[in-house]
Amino acid sequence: MPHRTAFFISDGTGITAETFANAILAQFEIKPHRIRMPFIDSVDKAHQAVHQIHHCAKVDGSRPLVFTTVVNMEVLAVLKAGCKGMLIDMFGTFIAPIEAELGIKSNHRVGRFSDVTRSKEYHDRIEAINFTLAHDDGQTHVDLANSDLILIGVSRSGKTPTSLYLAMQFGLKVSNYPLIPEDFERRQLPPALVPYKKKLFGLTINPERLSEIRNERKANSRYASLVNCRYEVSEAEAMMRRAGVRWLSTTSKSIEEISTIILQEIKPERLDY
């Protein structure tokens, strides 16, 4: 198969174009060279983008794949008229049929991050990120009641990245709390978490994988030893069973998959379902 280049072109950040395009490309056994082109918001920039696409087509010997979420019609017209790649107009494909179905015109807004200074949702999301950072790894018990979700699990089971993803993508205030040997000796949840049992969700992980991850951080330590990892995982899972805490294994799941499962189980009040 000839070498392919995939362009992600937007008059905004390009996050939507790239995310959607990557989901589509994942269905094919190819690894295209990816080129991100955000903020293509003028005719001049559009002509520059077309020139770069032409250059790639010549070098590769094949048409580039061009995914765009450009909403500026003048800019889009330049891309459609001059582009020698396979142009996939993501918004055009979906917006026109929905306009026809609803009987109203879309607002052709550039990006979901436009005019953020007036967006309550944006400020709520920033507040959620700050809250989540402050409540990472059991740093504080203060204000736990305002958590939308509290993740628990052994160290390095994926609590922090999952917490931050939920805060950044969904504006959730997420605390995460490590289960440590002292908790296993007591055979009880940390006392600070008991009043918020309905908000708890547990993450566990395959002990062999956990040992690999911990060895990257503290090689040849007791903390990273397979024996200790097996002990901690076993005790953590037993504790969550006794306490009736829902949990899942993160071993073979992406952060996106983990977060989706958690949201299905917890259903935080502030999100619409």
C-alpha atoms as a PDB file:
ATOM      1  CA  MET A   1       0.000   0.000   0.000  1.00  0.00           C
ATOM      2  CA  PRO A   2       1.409   3.443  -0.917  1.00  0.00           C
ATOM      3  CA  HIS A   3       2.368   5.826   1.857  1.00  0.00           C
ATOM      4  CA  ARG A   4      -0.540   8.008   2.940  1.00  0.00           C
ATOM      5  CA  THR A   5      -0.752  11.336   4.711  1.00  0.00           C
ATOM      6  CA  ALA A   6      -3.798  12.357   6.722  1.00  0.00           C
ATOM      7  CA  PHE A   7      -4.533  16.058   7.262  1.00  0.00           C
ATOM      8  CA  PHE A   8      -6.770  17.352  10.053  1.00  0.00           C
ATOM      9  CA  ILE A   9      -7.880  20.859   9.087  1.00  0.00           C
ATOM     10  CA  SER A  10     -10.040  23.188  11.151  1.00  0.00           C
ATOM     11  CA  ASP A  11     -10.712  26.873  11.656  1.00  0.00           C
ATOM     12  CA  GLY A  12     -10.729  26.067  15.391  1.00  0.00           C
ATOM     13  CA  THR A  13      -8.492  23.838  17.479  1.00  0.00           C
ATOM     14  CA  GLY A  14      -8.951  20.795  15.243  1.00  0.00           C
ATOM     15  CA  ILE A  15      -9.641  18.518  18.200  1.00  0.00           C
ATOM     16  CA  THR A  16     -12.995  17.379  16.814  1.00  0.00           C
ATOM     17  CA  ALA A  17     -11.569  16.712  13.337  1.00  0.00           C
ATOM     18  CA  GLU A  18      -8.641  14.709  14.663  1.00  0.00           C
ATOM     19  CA  THR A  19     -10.667  12.729  17.193  1.00  0.00           C
ATOM     20  CA  PHE A  20     -13.341  11.796  14.671  1.00  0.00           C
ATOM     21  CA  ALA A  21     -10.804  11.046  11.942  1.00  0.00           C
ATOM     22  CA  ASN A  22      -8.692   8.844  14.192  1.00  0.00           C
ATOM     23  CA  ALA A  23     -11.791   6.842  15.119  1.00  0.00           C
ATOM     24  CA  ILE A  24     -12.417   6.256  11.405  1.00  0.00           C
ATOM     25  CA  LEU A  25      -8.783   5.494  10.544  1.00  0.00           C
ATOM     26  CA  ALA A  26      -8.601   2.956  13.380  1.00  0.00           C
ATOM     27  CA  GLN A  27     -10.870   0.740  11.263  1.00  0.00           C
ATOM     28  CA  PHE A  28      -8.096   0.321   8.684  1.00  0.00           C
ATOM     29  CA  GLU A  29      -4.726  -1.428   8.892  1.00  0.00           C
ATOM     30  CA  ILE A  30      -2.752   1.661   7.961  1.00  0.00           C
ATOM     31  CA  LYS A  31      -0.496   4.093   9.773  1.00  0.00           C
ATOM     32  CA  PRO A  32      -0.698   7.368   7.876  1.00  0.00           C
ATOM     33  CA  HIS A  33       1.569  10.303   8.541  1.00  0.00           C
ATOM     34  CA  ARG A  34      -0.622  12.751  10.455  1.00  0.00           C
ATOM     35  CA  ILE A  35      -0.497  16.516   9.924  1.00  0.00           C
ATOM     36  CA  ARG A  36      -2.540  18.832  12.154  1.00  0.00           C
ATOM     37  CA  MET A  37      -3.589  22.198  10.749  1.00  0.00           C
ATOM     38  CA  PRO A  38      -5.655  24.152  13.303  1.00  0.00           C
ATOM     39  CA  PHE A  39      -6.835  27.768  13.006  1.00  0.00           C
ATOM     40  CA  ILE A  40      -7.135  27.778   9.202  1.00  0.00           C
ATOM     41  CA  ASP A  41      -9.506  30.715   9.466  1.00  0.00           C
ATOM     42  CA  SER A  42      -8.727  32.830   6.388  1.00  0.00           C
ATOM     43  CA  VAL A  43      -8.625  32.381   2.615  1.00  0.00           C
ATOM     44  CA  ASP A  44      -4.855  32.957   2.609  1.00  0.00           C
ATOM     45  CA  LYS A  45      -4.318  30.192   5.175  1.00  0.00           C
ATOM     46  CA  ALA A  46      -6.595  27.914   3.148  1.00  0.00           C
ATOM     47  CA  HIS A  47      -4.464  28.445   0.033  1.00  0.00           C
ATOM     48  CA  GLN A  48      -1.346  27.631   2.085  1.00  0.00           C
ATOM     49  CA  ALA A  49      -3.007  24.446   3.312  1.00  0.00           C
ATOM     50  CA  VAL A  50      -3.912  23.465  -0.259  1.00  0.00           C
ATOM     51  CA  HIS A  51      -0.299  24.030  -1.316  1.00  0.00           C
ATOM     52  CA  GLN A  52       0.941  21.743   1.469  1.00  0.00           C
ATOM     53  CA  ILE A  53      -1.586  19.064   0.533  1.00  0.00           C
ATOM     54  CA  HIS A  54      -0.414  19.213  -3.098  1.00  0.00           C
ATOM     55  CA  HIS A  55       3.196  18.860  -2.007  1.00  0.00           C
ATOM     56  CA  CYS A  56       2.383  15.765   0.065  1.00  0.00           C
ATOM     57  CA  ALA A  57       0.458  14.242  -2.819  1.00  0.00           C
ATOM     58  CA  LYS A  58       3.475  14.688  -5.077  1.00  0.00           C
ATOM     59  CA  VAL A  59       5.961  13.296  -2.542  1.00  0.00           C
ATOM     60  CA  ASP A  60       3.756  10.352  -1.467  1.00  0.00           C
ATOM     61  CA  GLY A  61       2.556   9.475  -4.919  1.00  0.00           C
ATOM     62  CA  SER A  62      -0.973   9.123  -3.566  1.00  0.00           C
ATOM     63  CA  ARG A  63      -3.864  11.362  -2.563  1.00  0.00           C
ATOM     64  CA  PRO A  64      -3.743  12.563   1.041  1.00  0.00           C
ATOM     65  CA  LEU A  65      -6.792  12.027   3.236  1.00  0.00           C
ATOM     66  CA  VAL A  66      -8.092  15.445   4.268  1.00  0.00           C
ATOM     67  CA  PHE A  67     -10.482  15.562   7.217  1.00  0.00           C
ATOM     68  CA  THR A  68     -11.965  18.979   7.889  1.00  0.00           C
ATOM     69  CA  THR A  69     -14.375  20.608  10.317  1.00  0.00           C
ATOM     70  CA  VAL A  70     -14.019  24.078   8.764  1.00  0.00           C
ATOM     71  CA  VAL A  71     -17.264  26.047   9.075  1.00  0.00           C
ATOM     72  CA  ASN A  72     -16.166  29.265   7.359  1.00  0.00           C
ATOM     73  CA  MET A  73     -17.722  28.849   3.915  1.00  0.00           C
ATOM     74  CA  GLU A  74     -15.111  30.941   2.078  1.00  0.00           C
ATOM     75  CA  VAL A  75     -12.281  28.941   3.584  1.00  0.00           C
ATOM     76  CA  LEU A  76     -14.090  25.671   2.887  1.00  0.00           C
ATOM     77  CA  ALA A  77     -14.696  26.706  -0.729  1.00  0.00           C
ATOM     78  CA  VAL A  78     -10.936  27.128  -1.261  1.00  0.00           C
ATOM     79  CA  LEU A  79     -10.280  23.675   0.161  1.00  0.00           C
ATOM     80  CA  LYS A  80     -12.991  22.051  -1.942  1.00  0.00           C
ATOM     81  CA  ALA A  81     -11.980  23.784  -5.160  1.00  0.00           C
ATOM     82  CA  GLY A  82      -8.223  23.359  -4.956  1.00  0.00           C
ATOM     83  CA  CYS A  83      -7.550  20.304  -2.804  1.00  0.00           C
ATOM     84  CA  LYS A  84      -6.023  17.321  -4.629  1.00  0.00           C
ATOM     85  CA  GLY A  85      -6.580  15.089  -1.629  1.00  0.00           C
ATOM     86  CA  MET A  86      -9.670  13.105  -0.692  1.00  0.00           C
ATOM     87  CA  LEU A  87     -11.625  15.771   1.191  1.00  0.00           C
ATOM     88  CA  ILE A  88     -13.977  14.602   3.943  1.00  0.00           C
ATOM     89  CA  ASP A  89     -16.131  17.510   5.133  1.00  0.00           C
ATOM     90  CA  MET A  90     -17.202  16.156   8.499  1.00  0.00           C
ATOM     91  CA  PHE A  91     -19.556  18.950   9.500  1.00  0.00           C
ATOM     92  CA  GLY A  92     -21.050  19.285   6.024  1.00  0.00           C
ATOM     93  CA  THR A  93     -21.799  15.582   5.930  1.00  0.00           C
ATOM     94  CA  PHE A  94     -23.892  15.734   9.075  1.00  0.00           C
ATOM     95  CA  ILE A  95     -25.070  19.322   9.530  1.00  0.00           C
ATOM     96  CA  ALA A  96     -27.019  19.694   6.268  1.00  0.00           C
ATOM     97  CA  PRO A  97     -29.231  16.610   6.847  1.00  0.00           C
ATOM     98  CA  ILE A  98     -29.860  17.652  10.455  1.00  0.00           C
ATOM     99  CA  GLU A  99     -30.768  21.201   9.342  1.00  0.00           C
ATOM    100  CA  ALA A 100     -33.273  19.678   6.911  1.00  0.00           C
ATOM    101  CA  GLU A 101     -34.706  17.385   9.573  1.00  0.00           C
ATOM    102  CA  LEU A 102     -35.030  20.094  12.243  1.00  0.00           C
ATOM    103  CA  GLY A 103     -36.073  22.842   9.862  1.00  0.00           C
ATOM    104  CA  ILE A 104     -33.540  25.276  11.340  1.00  0.00           C
ATOM    105  CA  LYS A 105     -30.085  26.501  10.391  1.00  0.00           C
ATOM    106  CA  SER A 106     -27.032  25.681  12.470  1.00  0.00           C
ATOM    107  CA  ASN A 107     -25.107  28.569  13.985  1.00  0.00           C
ATOM    108  CA  HIS A 108     -21.862  27.636  12.177  1.00  0.00           C
ATOM    109  CA  ARG A 109     -19.914  28.284  15.339  1.00  0.00           C
ATOM    110  CA  VAL A 110     -16.159  27.763  15.098  1.00  0.00           C
ATOM    111  CA  GLY A 111     -15.225  25.169  17.692  1.00  0.00           C
ATOM    112  CA  ARG A 112     -16.694  24.256  21.033  1.00  0.00           C
ATOM    113  CA  PHE A 113     -14.147  26.529  22.782  1.00  0.00           C
ATOM    114  CA  SER A 114     -15.271  29.789  21.207  1.00  0.00           C
ATOM    115  CA  ASP A 115     -16.206  32.719  23.440  1.00  0.00           C
ATOM    116  CA  VAL A 116     -15.082  30.850  26.559  1.00  0.00           C
ATOM    117  CA  THR A 117     -15.204  33.947  28.740  1.00  0.00           C
ATOM    118  CA  ARG A 118     -19.007  33.776  28.641  1.00  0.00           C
ATOM    119  CA  SER A 119     -19.282  30.020  29.082  1.00  0.00           C
ATOM    120  CA  LYS A 120     -20.319  28.767  32.509  1.00  0.00           C
ATOM    121  CA  GLU A 121     -19.533  25.229  31.372  1.00  0.00           C
ATOM    122  CA  TYR A 122     -15.952  26.191  30.600  1.00  0.00           C
ATOM    123  CA  HIS A 123     -15.398  27.798  33.998  1.00  0.00           C
ATOM    124  CA  ASP A 124     -17.022  24.816  35.706  1.00  0.00           C
ATOM    125  CA  ARG A 125     -14.583  22.561  33.881  1.00  0.00           C
ATOM    126  CA  ILE A 126     -11.591  24.622  35.013  1.00  0.00           C
ATOM    127  CA  GLU A 127     -12.900  24.490  38.578  1.00  0.00           C
ATOM    128  CA  ALA A 128     -13.291  20.718  38.296  1.00  0.00           C
ATOM    129  CA  ILE A 129      -9.696  20.317  37.069  1.00  0.00           C
ATOM    130  CA  ASN A 130      -8.367  22.409  39.964  1.00  0.00           C
ATOM    131  CA  PHE A 131     -10.470  20.412  42.440  1.00  0.00           C
ATOM    132  CA  THR A 132      -9.247  17.117  40.986  1.00  0.00           C
ATOM    133  CA  LEU A 133      -5.592  18.163  41.141  1.00  0.00           C
ATOM    134  CA  ALA A 134      -6.003  19.241  44.760  1.00  0.00           C
ATOM    135  CA  HIS A 135      -7.602  15.906  45.657  1.00  0.00           C
ATOM    136  CA  ASP A 136      -5.134  13.689  43.824  1.00  0.00           C
ATOM    137  CA  ASP A 137      -3.659  10.680  45.643  1.00  0.00           C
ATOM    138  CA  GLY A 138      -5.435  11.432  48.930  1.00  0.00           C
ATOM    139  CA  GLN A 139      -3.673  14.794  49.397  1.00  0.00           C
ATOM    140  CA  THR A 140      -6.577  16.223  51.366  1.00  0.00           C
ATOM    141  CA  HIS A 141      -9.834  15.132  53.011  1.00  0.00           C
ATOM    142  CA  VAL A 142     -11.207  18.673  52.874  1.00  0.00           C
ATOM    143  CA  ASP A 143     -14.338  19.111  50.779  1.00  0.00           C
ATOM    144  CA  LEU A 144     -14.695  15.432  49.871  1.00  0.00           C
ATOM    145  CA  ALA A 145     -18.458  15.935  50.088  1.00  0.00           C
ATOM    146  CA  ASN A 146     -18.299  18.049  46.925  1.00  0.00           C
ATOM    147  CA  SER A 147     -16.689  15.248  44.925  1.00  0.00           C
ATOM    148  CA  ASP A 148     -18.825  13.904  42.108  1.00  0.00           C
ATOM    149  CA  LEU A 149     -16.785  10.716  42.282  1.00  0.00           C
ATOM    150  CA  ILE A 150     -14.061   9.216  44.476  1.00  0.00           C
ATOM    151  CA  LEU A 151     -11.751   6.651  42.882  1.00  0.00           C
ATOM    152  CA  ILE A 152      -9.941   4.155  45.086  1.00  0.00           C
ATOM    153  CA  GLY A 153      -7.345   1.486  44.351  1.00  0.00           C
ATOM    154  CA  VAL A 154      -3.734   0.507  44.878  1.00  0.00           C
ATOM    155  CA  SER A 155      -0.946   2.831  43.781  1.00  0.00           C
ATOM    156  CA  ARG A 156      -0.426   2.960  39.989  1.00  0.00           C
ATOM    157  CA  SER A 157      -3.741   1.371  39.082  1.00  0.00           C
ATOM    158  CA  GLY A 158      -4.783   4.316  36.883  1.00  0.00           C
ATOM    159  CA  LYS A 159      -6.588   6.590  39.335  1.00  0.00           C
ATOM    160  CA  THR A 160      -4.857   9.873  38.498  1.00  0.00           C
ATOM    161  CA  PRO A 161      -5.123   9.800  34.676  1.00  0.00           C
ATOM    162  CA  THR A 162      -8.736   8.646  34.898  1.00  0.00           C
ATOM    163  CA  SER A 163      -9.547  11.419  37.384  1.00  0.00           C
ATOM    164  CA  LEU A 164      -8.033  14.096  35.158  1.00  0.00           C
ATOM    165  CA  TYR A 165      -9.730  12.767  32.036  1.00  0.00           C
ATOM    166  CA  LEU A 166     -13.141  12.896  33.755  1.00  0.00           C
ATOM    167  CA  ALA A 167     -12.444  16.420  34.978  1.00  0.00           C
ATOM    168  CA  MET A 168     -11.244  17.722  31.624  1.00  0.00           C
ATOM    169  CA  GLN A 169     -13.813  16.002  29.414  1.00  0.00           C
ATOM    170  CA  PHE A 170     -16.900  16.064  31.618  1.00  0.00           C
ATOM    171  CA  GLY A 171     -16.233  18.767  34.209  1.00  0.00           C
ATOM    172  CA  LEU A 172     -16.496  16.305  37.096  1.00  0.00           C
ATOM    173  CA  LYS A 173     -14.888  16.925  40.458  1.00  0.00           C
ATOM    174  CA  VAL A 174     -13.003  13.705  41.096  1.00  0.00           C
ATOM    175  CA  SER A 175     -11.033  12.751  44.185  1.00  0.00           C
ATOM    176  CA  ASN A 176      -8.777   9.725  44.173  1.00  0.00           C
ATOM    177  CA  TYR A 177      -7.483   7.861  47.167  1.00  0.00           C
ATOM    178  CA  PRO A 178      -4.807   5.138  47.363  1.00  0.00           C
ATOM    179  CA  LEU A 179      -5.426   1.953  49.320  1.00  0.00           C
ATOM    180  CA  ILE A 180      -2.279   1.279  51.364  1.00  0.00           C
ATOM    181  CA  PRO A 181      -0.950  -1.521  53.634  1.00  0.00           C
ATOM    182  CA  GLU A 182      -2.400   0.159  56.752  1.00  0.00           C
ATOM    183  CA  ASP A 183      -5.873  -0.114  55.192  1.00  0.00           C
ATOM    184  CA  PHE A 184      -5.313  -3.802  54.441  1.00  0.00           C
ATOM    185  CA  GLU A 185      -4.215  -4.454  58.042  1.00  0.00           C
ATOM    186  CA  ARG A 186      -7.420  -2.849  59.342  1.00  0.00           C
ATOM    187  CA  ARG A 187      -9.400  -4.683  56.640  1.00  0.00           C
ATOM    188  CA  GLN A 188     -11.579  -1.600  56.296  1.00  0.00           C
ATOM    189  CA  LEU A 189     -11.957   1.349  53.991  1.00  0.00           C
ATOM    190  CA  PRO A 190     -10.088   4.503  55.051  1.00  0.00           C
ATOM    191  CA  PRO A 191     -12.339   6.167  57.654  1.00  0.00           C
ATOM    192  CA  ALA A 192     -12.457   9.457  55.725  1.00  0.00           C
ATOM    193  CA  LEU A 193     -14.184   7.717  52.807  1.00  0.00           C
ATOM    194  CA  VAL A 194     -16.881   5.811  54.675  1.00  0.00           C
ATOM    195  CA  PRO A 195     -19.454   8.680  54.668  1.00  0.00           C
ATOM    196  CA  TYR A 196     -19.178   8.898  50.863  1.00  0.00           C
ATOM    197  CA  LYS A 197     -19.573   5.240  50.009  1.00  0.00           C
ATOM    198  CA  LYS A 198     -22.110   5.925  47.241  1.00  0.00           C
ATOM    199  CA  LYS A 199     -19.516   8.022  45.422  1.00  0.00           C
ATOM    200  CA  LEU A 200     -16.766   5.391  45.570  1.00  0.00           C
ATOM    201  CA  PHE A 201     -15.585   3.438  42.558  1.00  0.00           C
ATOM    202  CA  GLY A 202     -12.617   1.087  42.629  1.00  0.00           C
ATOM    203  CA  LEU A 203      -9.869   0.448  40.097  1.00  0.00           C
ATOM    204  CA  THR A 204      -7.823  -2.727  40.150  1.00  0.00           C
ATOM    205  CA  ILE A 205      -5.165  -4.164  37.846  1.00  0.00           C
ATOM    206  CA  ASN A 206      -3.422  -7.402  36.975  1.00  0.00           C
ATOM    207  CA  PRO A 207      -0.554  -7.877  39.495  1.00  0.00           C
ATOM    208  CA  GLU A 208       1.972  -8.747  36.772  1.00  0.00           C
ATOM    209  CA  ARG A 209       1.156  -5.555  34.873  1.00  0.00           C
ATOM    210  CA  LEU A 210       1.230  -3.557  38.106  1.00  0.00           C
ATOM    211  CA  SER A 211       4.711  -4.887  38.877  1.00  0.00           C
ATOM    212  CA  GLU A 212       5.911  -3.805  35.416  1.00  0.00           C
ATOM    213  CA  ILE A 213       4.539  -0.288  35.904  1.00  0.00           C
ATOM    214  CA  ARG A 214       5.987   0.076  39.393  1.00  0.00           C
ATOM    215  CA  ASN A 215       9.394  -1.205  38.272  1.00  0.00           C
ATOM    216  CA  GLU A 216       9.553   1.660  35.789  1.00  0.00           C
ATOM    217  CA  ARG A 217       9.295   3.997  38.757  1.00  0.00           C
ATOM    218  CA  LYS A 218      11.154   2.101  41.499  1.00  0.00           C
ATOM    219  CA  ALA A 219      13.057  -0.789  39.983  1.00  0.00           C
ATOM    220  CA  ASN A 220      13.882  -3.816  42.150  1.00  0.00           C
ATOM    221  CA  SER A 221      12.006  -2.430  45.170  1.00  0.00           C
ATOM    222  CA  ARG A 222       9.631  -4.244  47.480  1.00  0.00           C
ATOM    223  CA  TYR A 223       6.972  -1.800  46.289  1.00  0.00           C
ATOM    224  CA  ALA A 224       7.369  -3.136  42.744  1.00  0.00           C
ATOM    225  CA  SER A 225       7.919  -6.813  43.561  1.00  0.00           C
ATOM    226  CA  LEU A 226       5.429  -9.259  42.097  1.00  0.00           C
ATOM    227  CA  VAL A 227       4.811 -10.803  45.520  1.00  0.00           C
ATOM    228  CA  ASN A 228       3.846  -7.440  47.000  1.00  0.00           C
ATOM    229  CA  CYS A 229       1.760  -6.472  43.979  1.00  0.00           C
ATOM    230  CA  ARG A 230      -0.192  -9.730  44.227  1.00  0.00           C
ATOM    231  CA  TYR A 231      -0.778  -9.114  47.930  1.00  0.00           C
ATOM    232  CA  GLU A 232      -1.961  -5.513  47.479  1.00  0.00           C
ATOM    233  CA  VAL A 233      -4.273  -6.287  44.564  1.00  0.00           C
ATOM    234  CA  SER A 234      -5.780  -9.273  46.354  1.00  0.00           C
ATOM    235  CA  GLU A 235      -6.377  -7.301  49.551  1.00  0.00           C
ATOM    236  CA  ALA A 236      -7.772  -4.287  47.697  1.00  0.00           C
ATOM    237  CA  GLU A 237     -10.247  -6.407  45.746  1.00  0.00           C
ATOM    238  CA  ALA A 238     -11.308  -8.260  48.899  1.00  0.00           C
ATOM    239  CA  MET A 239     -11.841  -4.950  50.699  1.00  0.00           C
ATOM    240  CA  MET A 240     -13.969  -3.550  47.880  1.00  0.00           C
ATOM    241  CA  ARG A 241     -16.086  -6.719  47.823  1.00  0.00           C
ATOM    242  CA  ARG A 242     -16.686  -6.531  51.579  1.00  0.00           C
ATOM    243  CA  ALA A 243     -17.587  -2.851  51.366  1.00  0.00           C
ATOM    244  CA  GLY A 244     -19.873  -3.311  48.360  1.00  0.00           C
ATOM    245  CA  VAL A 245     -17.826  -0.908  46.232  1.00  0.00           C
ATOM    246  CA  ARG A 246     -18.161  -1.257  42.467  1.00  0.00           C
ATOM    247  CA  TRP A 247     -14.855  -1.757  40.674  1.00  0.00           C
ATOM    248  CA  LEU A 248     -13.215  -2.758  37.393  1.00  0.00           C
ATOM    249  CA  SER A 249      -9.824  -3.882  36.131  1.00  0.00           C
ATOM    250  CA  THR A 250      -7.851  -1.297  34.169  1.00  0.00           C
ATOM    251  CA  THR A 251      -5.326  -3.822  32.831  1.00  0.00           C
ATOM    252  CA  SER A 252      -6.435  -3.886  29.203  1.00  0.00           C
ATOM    253  CA  LYS A 253      -8.652  -0.818  29.059  1.00  0.00           C
ATOM    254  CA  SER A 254      -7.969   2.678  27.791  1.00  0.00           C
ATOM    255  CA  ILE A 255      -8.678   5.743  29.920  1.00  0.00           C
ATOM    256  CA  GLU A 256     -11.672   6.453  27.681  1.00  0.00           C
ATOM    257  CA  GLU A 257     -13.097   2.956  28.223  1.00  0.00           C
ATOM    258  CA  ILE A 258     -12.525   3.116  31.972  1.00  0.00           C
ATOM    259  CA  SER A 259     -14.228   6.504  32.199  1.00  0.00           C
ATOM    260  CA  THR A 260     -17.204   5.399  30.114  1.00  0.00           C
ATOM    261  CA  ILE A 261     -17.818   2.359  32.318  1.00  0.00           C
ATOM    262  CA  ILE A 262     -17.530   4.480  35.466  1.00  0.00           C
ATOM    263  CA  LEU A 263     -20.040   7.028  34.155  1.00  0.00           C
ATOM    264  CA  GLN A 264     -22.485   4.246  33.295  1.00  0.00           C
ATOM    265  CA  GLU A 265     -22.235   2.898  36.834  1.00  0.00           C
ATOM    266  CA  ILE A 266     -22.063   6.093  38.906  1.00  0.00           C
ATOM    267  CA  LYS A 267     -24.211   8.484  36.816  1.00  0.00           C
ATOM    268  CA  PRO A 268     -23.126  11.746  38.512  1.00  0.00           C
ATOM    269  CA  GLU A 269     -26.106  14.020  39.166  1.00  0.00           C
ATOM    270  CA  ARG A 270     -24.731  16.978  37.232  1.00  0.00           C
ATOM    271  CA  LEU A 271     -24.545  15.035  33.932  1.00  0.00           C
ATOM    272  CA  ASP A 272     -27.609  14.529  31.778  1.00  0.00           C
ATOM    273  CA  TYR A 273     -28.552  10.973  30.769  1.00  0.00           C
END
